[in-house]
Amino acid sequence: MNNKGQALVEFILILPVFIMILFIIIDFGMIFNKKSNLESISNDAVLIYKENKSLVEIQELYKDIQIELVNVNDYTKLVFKDKVNIVTPGMNKVFGDPYVITIERVIPYA
């Protein structure tokens, strides 16, 4: 008896699921990479802000990232936003396309 046809049919049925899982792993990797980069940039920007630099000077250094300054009574908050385009078909409905990553840093008044 020849089982080659059965193996081919099983492979064809499993292949789309495997490719979907592979693309989801790639998406999560891109999200975590972008978040890590944004965390690093936010730490650098807070240090620059503490040196009495203006928000405009910080935004000139990081032009592709949206940076907002929020003043509250007891502290200042820097909000960093960046976007990641989702590659996996169908996952853009779950996460939204592009997926927005937001990092907030609180700077207390001295």
C-alpha atoms as a PDB file:
ATOM      1  CA  MET A   1       0.000   0.000   0.000  1.00  0.00           C
ATOM      2  CA  ASN A   2       1.257   3.507  -0.886  1.00  0.00           C
ATOM      3  CA  ASN A   3       1.170   6.084   1.970  1.00  0.00           C
ATOM      4  CA  LYS A   4       2.827   8.951   0.064  1.00  0.00           C
ATOM      5  CA  GLY A   5      -0.497  10.487  -0.872  1.00  0.00           C
ATOM      6  CA  GLN A   6      -1.700  10.420   2.718  1.00  0.00           C
ATOM      7  CA  ALA A   7       1.475  12.142   3.957  1.00  0.00           C
ATOM      8  CA  LEU A   8       1.136  14.819   1.275  1.00  0.00           C
ATOM      9  CA  VAL A   9      -2.489  15.544   2.221  1.00  0.00           C
ATOM     10  CA  GLU A  10      -1.578  15.768   5.932  1.00  0.00           C
ATOM     11  CA  PHE A  11       1.327  18.091   5.121  1.00  0.00           C
ATOM     12  CA  ILE A  12      -0.908  20.351   3.028  1.00  0.00           C
ATOM     13  CA  LEU A  13      -3.473  20.506   5.861  1.00  0.00           C
ATOM     14  CA  ILE A  14      -0.850  21.355   8.516  1.00  0.00           C
ATOM     15  CA  LEU A  15       1.253  23.813   6.444  1.00  0.00           C
ATOM     16  CA  PRO A  16      -1.089  26.870   6.724  1.00  0.00           C
ATOM     17  CA  VAL A  17      -1.327  26.450  10.502  1.00  0.00           C
ATOM     18  CA  PHE A  18       2.457  26.172  10.775  1.00  0.00           C
ATOM     19  CA  ILE A  19       2.987  29.279   8.617  1.00  0.00           C
ATOM     20  CA  MET A  20       0.434  31.220  10.688  1.00  0.00           C
ATOM     21  CA  ILE A  21       2.235  30.279  13.925  1.00  0.00           C
ATOM     22  CA  LEU A  22       5.553  31.296  12.350  1.00  0.00           C
ATOM     23  CA  PHE A  23       4.189  34.730  11.364  1.00  0.00           C
ATOM     24  CA  ILE A  24       2.693  35.237  14.848  1.00  0.00           C
ATOM     25  CA  ILE A  25       6.112  34.515  16.376  1.00  0.00           C
ATOM     26  CA  ILE A  26       7.667  37.058  14.004  1.00  0.00           C
ATOM     27  CA  ASP A  27       5.045  39.672  14.978  1.00  0.00           C
ATOM     28  CA  PHE A  28       5.628  39.172  18.698  1.00  0.00           C
ATOM     29  CA  GLY A  29       9.377  39.376  18.112  1.00  0.00           C
ATOM     30  CA  MET A  30       8.992  42.677  16.272  1.00  0.00           C
ATOM     31  CA  ILE A  31       6.738  44.056  19.030  1.00  0.00           C
ATOM     32  CA  PHE A  32       9.148  43.063  21.817  1.00  0.00           C
ATOM     33  CA  ASN A  33      12.137  44.417  19.855  1.00  0.00           C
ATOM     34  CA  LYS A  34      10.422  47.770  19.254  1.00  0.00           C
ATOM     35  CA  LYS A  35       9.334  47.947  22.905  1.00  0.00           C
ATOM     36  CA  SER A  36      12.885  47.266  24.074  1.00  0.00           C
ATOM     37  CA  ASN A  37      14.235  49.984  21.778  1.00  0.00           C
ATOM     38  CA  LEU A  38      11.568  52.397  23.002  1.00  0.00           C
ATOM     39  CA  GLU A  39      12.450  51.622  26.639  1.00  0.00           C
ATOM     40  CA  SER A  40      16.100  52.429  25.924  1.00  0.00           C
ATOM     41  CA  ILE A  41      15.217  55.641  24.096  1.00  0.00           C
ATOM     42  CA  SER A  42      12.894  56.699  26.918  1.00  0.00           C
ATOM     43  CA  ASN A  43      15.648  56.222  29.502  1.00  0.00           C
ATOM     44  CA  ASP A  44      18.047  58.328  27.401  1.00  0.00           C
ATOM     45  CA  ALA A  45      15.411  61.011  26.843  1.00  0.00           C
ATOM     46  CA  VAL A  46      14.690  61.279  30.569  1.00  0.00           C
ATOM     47  CA  LEU A  47      18.381  61.849  31.238  1.00  0.00           C
ATOM     48  CA  ILE A  48      18.465  64.505  28.515  1.00  0.00           C
ATOM     49  CA  TYR A  49      15.340  66.144  29.957  1.00  0.00           C
ATOM     50  CA  LYS A  50      16.912  66.223  33.423  1.00  0.00           C
ATOM     51  CA  GLU A  51      19.793  68.239  31.911  1.00  0.00           C
ATOM     52  CA  ASN A  52      17.235  71.053  31.338  1.00  0.00           C
ATOM     53  CA  LYS A  53      16.866  70.388  27.618  1.00  0.00           C
ATOM     54  CA  SER A  54      13.549  71.224  26.012  1.00  0.00           C
ATOM     55  CA  LEU A  55      11.065  68.762  24.553  1.00  0.00           C
ATOM     56  CA  VAL A  56      11.796  70.138  21.070  1.00  0.00           C
ATOM     57  CA  GLU A  57      15.477  69.221  21.425  1.00  0.00           C
ATOM     58  CA  ILE A  58      14.552  65.690  22.483  1.00  0.00           C
ATOM     59  CA  GLN A  59      12.127  65.332  19.567  1.00  0.00           C
ATOM     60  CA  GLU A  60      14.873  66.413  17.155  1.00  0.00           C
ATOM     61  CA  LEU A  61      17.013  63.503  18.347  1.00  0.00           C
ATOM     62  CA  TYR A  62      14.199  60.950  17.976  1.00  0.00           C
ATOM     63  CA  LYS A  63      12.216  62.142  14.967  1.00  0.00           C
ATOM     64  CA  ASP A  64      10.406  58.869  14.222  1.00  0.00           C
ATOM     65  CA  ILE A  65       8.955  58.551  17.747  1.00  0.00           C
ATOM     66  CA  GLN A  66       6.015  60.524  19.101  1.00  0.00           C
ATOM     67  CA  ILE A  67       6.978  62.167  22.418  1.00  0.00           C
ATOM     68  CA  GLU A  68       4.545  64.045  24.660  1.00  0.00           C
ATOM     69  CA  LEU A  69       5.173  65.999  27.863  1.00  0.00           C
ATOM     70  CA  VAL A  70       2.439  65.987  30.512  1.00  0.00           C
ATOM     71  CA  ASN A  71       2.789  68.276  33.540  1.00  0.00           C
ATOM     72  CA  VAL A  72       0.913  67.217  36.664  1.00  0.00           C
ATOM     73  CA  ASN A  73       0.967  68.862  40.098  1.00  0.00           C
ATOM     74  CA  ASP A  74       3.765  66.796  41.644  1.00  0.00           C
ATOM     75  CA  TYR A  75       5.540  65.351  38.635  1.00  0.00           C
ATOM     76  CA  THR A  76       6.229  65.517  34.911  1.00  0.00           C
ATOM     77  CA  LYS A  77       5.404  62.578  32.667  1.00  0.00           C
ATOM     78  CA  LEU A  78       7.099  61.834  29.355  1.00  0.00           C
ATOM     79  CA  VAL A  79       5.019  59.616  27.059  1.00  0.00           C
ATOM     80  CA  PHE A  80       6.690  57.813  24.145  1.00  0.00           C
ATOM     81  CA  LYS A  81       4.692  56.171  21.344  1.00  0.00           C
ATOM     82  CA  ASP A  82       5.821  54.132  18.384  1.00  0.00           C
ATOM     83  CA  LYS A  83       4.046  51.879  15.888  1.00  0.00           C
ATOM     84  CA  VAL A  84       4.661  48.333  14.672  1.00  0.00           C
ATOM     85  CA  ASN A  85       3.072  47.049  11.473  1.00  0.00           C
ATOM     86  CA  ILE A  86       1.500  43.611  11.924  1.00  0.00           C
ATOM     87  CA  VAL A  87       2.554  41.031   9.313  1.00  0.00           C
ATOM     88  CA  THR A  88       0.245  38.126  10.161  1.00  0.00           C
ATOM     89  CA  PRO A  89      -3.019  38.099   8.218  1.00  0.00           C
ATOM     90  CA  GLY A  90      -5.981  38.349  10.578  1.00  0.00           C
ATOM     91  CA  MET A  91      -3.926  39.418  13.593  1.00  0.00           C
ATOM     92  CA  ASN A  92      -4.323  43.070  12.608  1.00  0.00           C
ATOM     93  CA  LYS A  93      -7.951  42.739  13.660  1.00  0.00           C
ATOM     94  CA  VAL A  94      -6.861  41.480  17.093  1.00  0.00           C
ATOM     95  CA  PHE A  95      -4.014  43.917  17.750  1.00  0.00           C
ATOM     96  CA  GLY A  96      -4.915  46.733  15.391  1.00  0.00           C
ATOM     97  CA  ASP A  97      -2.724  47.709  12.502  1.00  0.00           C
ATOM     98  CA  PRO A  98      -0.416  49.396  13.225  1.00  0.00           C
ATOM     99  CA  TYR A  99       0.055  48.236  16.813  1.00  0.00           C
ATOM    100  CA  VAL A 100       0.884  51.219  19.048  1.00  0.00           C
ATOM    101  CA  ILE A 101       3.457  50.779  21.806  1.00  0.00           C
ATOM    102  CA  THR A 102       3.295  53.319  24.652  1.00  0.00           C
ATOM    103  CA  ILE A 103       5.982  53.865  27.303  1.00  0.00           C
ATOM    104  CA  GLU A 104       5.559  56.378  30.132  1.00  0.00           C
ATOM    105  CA  ARG A 105       8.329  57.791  32.322  1.00  0.00           C
ATOM    106  CA  VAL A 106       7.528  59.809  35.445  1.00  0.00           C
ATOM    107  CA  ILE A 107       9.973  62.491  36.546  1.00  0.00           C
ATOM    108  CA  PRO A 108       9.309  63.840  40.056  1.00  0.00           C
ATOM    109  CA  TYR A 109       9.959  67.496  40.746  1.00  0.00           C
ATOM    110  CA  ALA A 110      13.092  68.007  42.815  1.00  0.00           C
END
